[in-house]
Amino acid sequence: MGCDGLWDAMSSQSAVTMARRELVLHNDPERCSRELLREALKRNTCHNLTVVVICLSADPPPRLEPEPRVRRSLSAEALNSLRKVLTVIVKGMMYRRTASSL
């Protein structure tokens, strides 16, 4: 929980991300609150500043594993179509540039 001084300095997602990271590191809500306060002060908040971190479990939050990147590729037909479209766009830009310099 935080007052407007915190929310003026960072988004709720930024605060949640930082709190989660801190709790995974040391699982200390008081220390986590201090780190959020320090970060808000670094970002030059101009309001009063109150932060309370409440843990609903004694265990630290689980580490979030990044989702594996999925490699996607274009079919040969799609790649060929994309090349044609980009060629038309580039030629149009070159034509406009040449016409505007006349």
N, C-alpha and C. Protein backbone atom coordinates (compact mmCIF):
# COMPACT_ATOMS: atom_id res chain seq x y z
N MET A 1 0.86 -1.17 0.00
CA MET A 1 0.00 0.00 0.00
C MET A 1 0.90 1.22 0.00
N GLY A 2 0.44 2.25 -0.67
CA GLY A 2 1.24 3.47 -0.72
C GLY A 2 0.35 4.68 -0.92
N CYS A 3 0.87 5.83 -0.55
CA CYS A 3 0.11 7.07 -0.74
C CYS A 3 0.50 7.70 -2.07
N ASP A 4 -0.07 8.85 -2.37
CA ASP A 4 0.13 9.47 -3.68
C ASP A 4 1.58 9.82 -3.97
N GLY A 5 2.40 10.01 -2.95
CA GLY A 5 3.81 10.28 -3.19
C GLY A 5 4.50 9.14 -3.91
N LEU A 6 4.10 7.92 -3.59
CA LEU A 6 4.67 6.76 -4.28
C LEU A 6 4.13 6.68 -5.70
N TRP A 7 2.81 6.84 -5.84
CA TRP A 7 2.19 6.66 -7.16
C TRP A 7 2.51 7.80 -8.12
N ASP A 8 2.89 8.96 -7.59
CA ASP A 8 3.35 10.04 -8.47
C ASP A 8 4.73 9.73 -9.03
N ALA A 9 5.50 8.92 -8.29
CA ALA A 9 6.88 8.63 -8.69
C ALA A 9 7.00 7.39 -9.56
N MET A 10 6.08 6.44 -9.41
CA MET A 10 6.20 5.21 -10.19
C MET A 10 4.83 4.61 -10.44
N SER A 11 4.75 3.81 -11.47
CA SER A 11 3.50 3.13 -11.79
C SER A 11 3.27 1.99 -10.80
N SER A 12 2.05 1.54 -10.73
CA SER A 12 1.77 0.41 -9.84
C SER A 12 2.55 -0.82 -10.28
N GLN A 13 2.69 -1.02 -11.60
CA GLN A 13 3.45 -2.18 -12.07
C GLN A 13 4.92 -2.07 -11.68
N SER A 14 5.49 -0.88 -11.75
CA SER A 14 6.89 -0.70 -11.32
C SER A 14 7.05 -1.02 -9.85
N ALA A 15 6.11 -0.56 -9.03
CA ALA A 15 6.18 -0.82 -7.59
C ALA A 15 6.05 -2.31 -7.31
N VAL A 16 5.13 -2.98 -7.98
CA VAL A 16 4.94 -4.41 -7.77
C VAL A 16 6.18 -5.18 -8.21
N THR A 17 6.73 -4.82 -9.34
CA THR A 17 7.93 -5.49 -9.84
C THR A 17 9.09 -5.32 -8.87
N MET A 18 9.26 -4.10 -8.37
CA MET A 18 10.35 -3.84 -7.42
C MET A 18 10.11 -4.58 -6.11
N ALA A 19 8.89 -4.55 -5.58
CA ALA A 19 8.57 -5.23 -4.33
C ALA A 19 8.80 -6.73 -4.47
N ARG A 20 8.36 -7.30 -5.57
CA ARG A 20 8.55 -8.74 -5.79
C ARG A 20 10.03 -9.08 -5.83
N ARG A 21 10.81 -8.27 -6.57
CA ARG A 21 12.24 -8.52 -6.69
C ARG A 21 12.91 -8.46 -5.31
N GLU A 22 12.55 -7.44 -4.52
CA GLU A 22 13.13 -7.29 -3.18
C GLU A 22 12.74 -8.46 -2.28
N LEU A 23 11.48 -8.87 -2.33
CA LEU A 23 11.03 -9.97 -1.47
C LEU A 23 11.67 -11.30 -1.86
N VAL A 24 11.90 -11.50 -3.15
CA VAL A 24 12.59 -12.71 -3.59
C VAL A 24 14.02 -12.71 -3.04
N LEU A 25 14.65 -11.53 -3.01
CA LEU A 25 16.04 -11.43 -2.54
C LEU A 25 16.16 -11.67 -1.03
N HIS A 26 15.30 -11.00 -0.24
CA HIS A 26 15.52 -11.05 1.21
C HIS A 26 14.26 -11.35 2.03
N ASN A 27 13.10 -11.41 1.43
CA ASN A 27 11.83 -11.73 2.11
C ASN A 27 11.61 -10.92 3.39
N ASP A 28 11.92 -9.62 3.31
CA ASP A 28 11.76 -8.73 4.46
C ASP A 28 10.87 -7.56 4.04
N PRO A 29 9.58 -7.57 4.44
CA PRO A 29 8.66 -6.51 4.00
C PRO A 29 9.08 -5.12 4.46
N GLU A 30 9.67 -5.01 5.64
CA GLU A 30 10.10 -3.69 6.12
C GLU A 30 11.22 -3.14 5.24
N ARG A 31 12.18 -3.97 4.95
CA ARG A 31 13.29 -3.57 4.06
C ARG A 31 12.76 -3.24 2.67
N CYS A 32 11.81 -4.01 2.22
CA CYS A 32 11.20 -3.77 0.91
C CYS A 32 10.51 -2.40 0.88
N SER A 33 9.81 -2.06 1.95
CA SER A 33 9.16 -0.75 2.06
C SER A 33 10.20 0.37 1.98
N ARG A 34 11.32 0.20 2.69
CA ARG A 34 12.37 1.22 2.66
C ARG A 34 12.94 1.39 1.26
N GLU A 35 13.11 0.27 0.54
CA GLU A 35 13.64 0.35 -0.83
C GLU A 35 12.67 1.07 -1.76
N LEU A 36 11.39 0.81 -1.59
CA LEU A 36 10.39 1.53 -2.40
C LEU A 36 10.42 3.03 -2.08
N LEU A 37 10.55 3.37 -0.81
CA LEU A 37 10.66 4.78 -0.42
C LEU A 37 11.89 5.43 -1.05
N ARG A 38 13.02 4.74 -0.96
CA ARG A 38 14.27 5.28 -1.54
C ARG A 38 14.11 5.51 -3.04
N GLU A 39 13.50 4.55 -3.71
CA GLU A 39 13.32 4.69 -5.16
C GLU A 39 12.43 5.88 -5.49
N ALA A 40 11.35 6.05 -4.74
CA ALA A 40 10.44 7.18 -4.98
C ALA A 40 11.18 8.50 -4.74
N LEU A 41 12.01 8.55 -3.71
CA LEU A 41 12.78 9.77 -3.42
C LEU A 41 13.80 10.04 -4.52
N LYS A 42 14.42 9.00 -5.06
CA LYS A 42 15.35 9.17 -6.18
C LYS A 42 14.65 9.77 -7.39
N ARG A 43 13.37 9.43 -7.53
CA ARG A 43 12.59 9.93 -8.67
C ARG A 43 11.96 11.27 -8.38
N ASN A 44 12.38 11.91 -7.32
CA ASN A 44 11.98 13.28 -6.96
C ASN A 44 10.48 13.45 -6.74
N THR A 45 9.90 12.57 -5.95
CA THR A 45 8.49 12.76 -5.61
C THR A 45 8.34 14.03 -4.78
N CYS A 46 7.26 14.76 -4.97
CA CYS A 46 7.06 16.02 -4.24
C CYS A 46 5.97 15.93 -3.19
N HIS A 47 5.42 14.76 -2.98
CA HIS A 47 4.32 14.62 -2.02
C HIS A 47 4.82 13.86 -0.79
N ASN A 48 3.91 13.78 0.20
CA ASN A 48 4.23 12.94 1.35
C ASN A 48 4.38 11.51 0.86
N LEU A 49 5.10 10.73 1.61
CA LEU A 49 5.46 9.40 1.13
C LEU A 49 5.26 8.38 2.23
N THR A 50 4.35 7.44 1.99
CA THR A 50 4.10 6.35 2.91
C THR A 50 4.00 5.06 2.11
N VAL A 51 4.71 4.03 2.56
CA VAL A 51 4.67 2.73 1.89
C VAL A 51 4.55 1.65 2.96
N VAL A 52 3.65 0.73 2.77
CA VAL A 52 3.51 -0.43 3.64
C VAL A 52 3.45 -1.66 2.75
N VAL A 53 4.34 -2.60 2.99
CA VAL A 53 4.34 -3.86 2.25
C VAL A 53 3.73 -4.92 3.16
N ILE A 54 2.71 -5.58 2.69
CA ILE A 54 2.01 -6.60 3.46
C ILE A 54 2.22 -7.94 2.76
N CYS A 55 2.77 -8.89 3.48
CA CYS A 55 2.97 -10.23 2.93
C CYS A 55 1.87 -11.14 3.47
N LEU A 56 1.22 -11.83 2.59
CA LEU A 56 0.15 -12.74 2.99
C LEU A 56 0.67 -14.17 3.19
N SER A 57 1.98 -14.34 3.01
CA SER A 57 2.60 -15.64 3.22
C SER A 57 3.97 -15.40 3.85
N ALA A 58 4.39 -16.30 4.70
CA ALA A 58 5.72 -16.18 5.32
C ALA A 58 6.82 -16.53 4.32
N ASP A 59 6.47 -17.25 3.26
CA ASP A 59 7.46 -17.65 2.26
C ASP A 59 7.66 -16.53 1.25
N PRO A 60 8.88 -16.43 0.72
CA PRO A 60 9.09 -15.43 -0.33
C PRO A 60 8.29 -15.81 -1.57
N PRO A 61 7.99 -14.84 -2.42
CA PRO A 61 7.26 -15.17 -3.65
C PRO A 61 8.13 -16.05 -4.55
N PRO A 62 7.50 -16.90 -5.33
CA PRO A 62 8.29 -17.75 -6.22
C PRO A 62 8.96 -16.90 -7.30
N ARG A 63 10.11 -17.35 -7.72
CA ARG A 63 10.80 -16.65 -8.82
C ARG A 63 9.99 -16.84 -10.10
N LEU A 64 9.86 -15.77 -10.83
CA LEU A 64 9.16 -15.84 -12.11
C LEU A 64 10.17 -16.14 -13.19
N GLU A 65 9.95 -17.21 -13.88
CA GLU A 65 10.83 -17.57 -14.98
C GLU A 65 10.37 -16.84 -16.23
N PRO A 66 11.30 -16.25 -16.96
CA PRO A 66 10.88 -15.59 -18.20
C PRO A 66 10.31 -16.61 -19.16
N GLU A 67 9.30 -16.19 -19.89
CA GLU A 67 8.70 -17.11 -20.86
C GLU A 67 9.70 -17.35 -21.98
N PRO A 68 9.82 -18.60 -22.40
CA PRO A 68 10.77 -18.89 -23.47
C PRO A 68 10.36 -18.17 -24.75
N ARG A 69 11.37 -17.67 -25.44
CA ARG A 69 11.08 -16.99 -26.72
C ARG A 69 10.70 -18.02 -27.75
N VAL A 70 9.68 -17.71 -28.45
CA VAL A 70 9.23 -18.60 -29.52
C VAL A 70 9.73 -18.00 -30.82
N ARG A 71 10.47 -18.79 -31.54
CA ARG A 71 10.96 -18.31 -32.82
C ARG A 71 9.89 -18.52 -33.87
N ARG A 72 9.60 -17.48 -34.57
CA ARG A 72 8.61 -17.57 -35.63
C ARG A 72 9.29 -17.21 -36.94
N SER A 73 8.84 -17.82 -37.98
CA SER A 73 9.41 -17.50 -39.28
C SER A 73 8.29 -17.32 -40.29
N LEU A 74 8.62 -16.60 -41.33
CA LEU A 74 7.66 -16.39 -42.41
C LEU A 74 7.83 -17.47 -43.47
N SER A 75 6.74 -17.80 -44.09
CA SER A 75 6.83 -18.72 -45.22
C SER A 75 7.54 -17.99 -46.36
N ALA A 76 8.04 -18.74 -47.31
CA ALA A 76 8.72 -18.14 -48.46
C ALA A 76 7.77 -17.20 -49.21
N GLU A 77 6.51 -17.58 -49.30
CA GLU A 77 5.52 -16.76 -50.00
C GLU A 77 5.29 -15.44 -49.25
N ALA A 78 5.16 -15.51 -47.91
CA ALA A 78 4.94 -14.30 -47.12
C ALA A 78 6.16 -13.39 -47.19
N LEU A 79 7.35 -13.97 -47.14
CA LEU A 79 8.58 -13.19 -47.22
C LEU A 79 8.68 -12.48 -48.56
N ASN A 80 8.32 -13.16 -49.63
CA ASN A 80 8.35 -12.57 -50.96
C ASN A 80 7.35 -11.42 -51.06
N SER A 81 6.14 -11.60 -50.50
CA SER A 81 5.13 -10.53 -50.50
C SER A 81 5.62 -9.33 -49.71
N LEU A 82 6.25 -9.56 -48.58
CA LEU A 82 6.77 -8.47 -47.76
C LEU A 82 7.85 -7.70 -48.51
N ARG A 83 8.72 -8.39 -49.20
CA ARG A 83 9.76 -7.72 -49.99
C ARG A 83 9.14 -6.81 -51.05
N LYS A 84 8.10 -7.32 -51.73
CA LYS A 84 7.45 -6.52 -52.76
C LYS A 84 6.84 -5.25 -52.18
N VAL A 85 6.15 -5.38 -51.04
CA VAL A 85 5.52 -4.22 -50.41
C VAL A 85 6.57 -3.21 -49.98
N LEU A 86 7.66 -3.68 -49.37
CA LEU A 86 8.72 -2.77 -48.93
C LEU A 86 9.40 -2.10 -50.11
N THR A 87 9.57 -2.80 -51.21
CA THR A 87 10.16 -2.20 -52.41
C THR A 87 9.29 -1.07 -52.93
N VAL A 88 7.98 -1.29 -52.97
CA VAL A 88 7.04 -0.25 -53.43
C VAL A 88 7.12 0.97 -52.50
N ILE A 89 7.16 0.73 -51.20
CA ILE A 89 7.23 1.84 -50.24
C ILE A 89 8.51 2.63 -50.42
N VAL A 90 9.64 1.96 -50.53
CA VAL A 90 10.93 2.64 -50.68
C VAL A 90 10.96 3.42 -51.98
N LYS A 91 10.48 2.82 -53.07
CA LYS A 91 10.45 3.54 -54.35
C LYS A 91 9.57 4.77 -54.26
N GLY A 92 8.45 4.66 -53.57
CA GLY A 92 7.56 5.82 -53.40
C GLY A 92 8.23 6.93 -52.60
N MET A 93 8.98 6.55 -51.58
CA MET A 93 9.69 7.56 -50.78
C MET A 93 10.77 8.24 -51.61
N MET A 94 11.47 7.46 -52.43
CA MET A 94 12.52 8.03 -53.26
C MET A 94 11.91 8.96 -54.31
N TYR A 95 10.76 8.58 -54.87
CA TYR A 95 10.10 9.41 -55.86
C TYR A 95 9.67 10.74 -55.24
N ARG A 96 9.08 10.68 -54.03
CA ARG A 96 8.65 11.91 -53.35
C ARG A 96 9.83 12.82 -53.04
N ARG A 97 10.95 12.23 -52.63
CA ARG A 97 12.12 13.01 -52.30
C ARG A 97 12.67 13.70 -53.56
N THR A 98 12.70 12.97 -54.67
CA THR A 98 13.20 13.53 -55.93
C THR A 98 12.25 14.63 -56.43
N ALA A 99 10.93 14.40 -56.36
CA ALA A 99 9.95 15.36 -56.82
C ALA A 99 9.97 16.63 -55.97
N SER A 100 10.21 16.52 -54.68
CA SER A 100 10.21 17.70 -53.82
C SER A 100 11.46 18.54 -54.00
N SER A 101 12.53 17.97 -54.53
CA SER A 101 13.75 18.74 -54.72
C SER A 101 13.76 19.50 -56.04
N LEU A 102 12.77 19.23 -56.89
CA LEU A 102 12.72 19.92 -58.19
C LEU A 102 12.17 21.30 -58.08
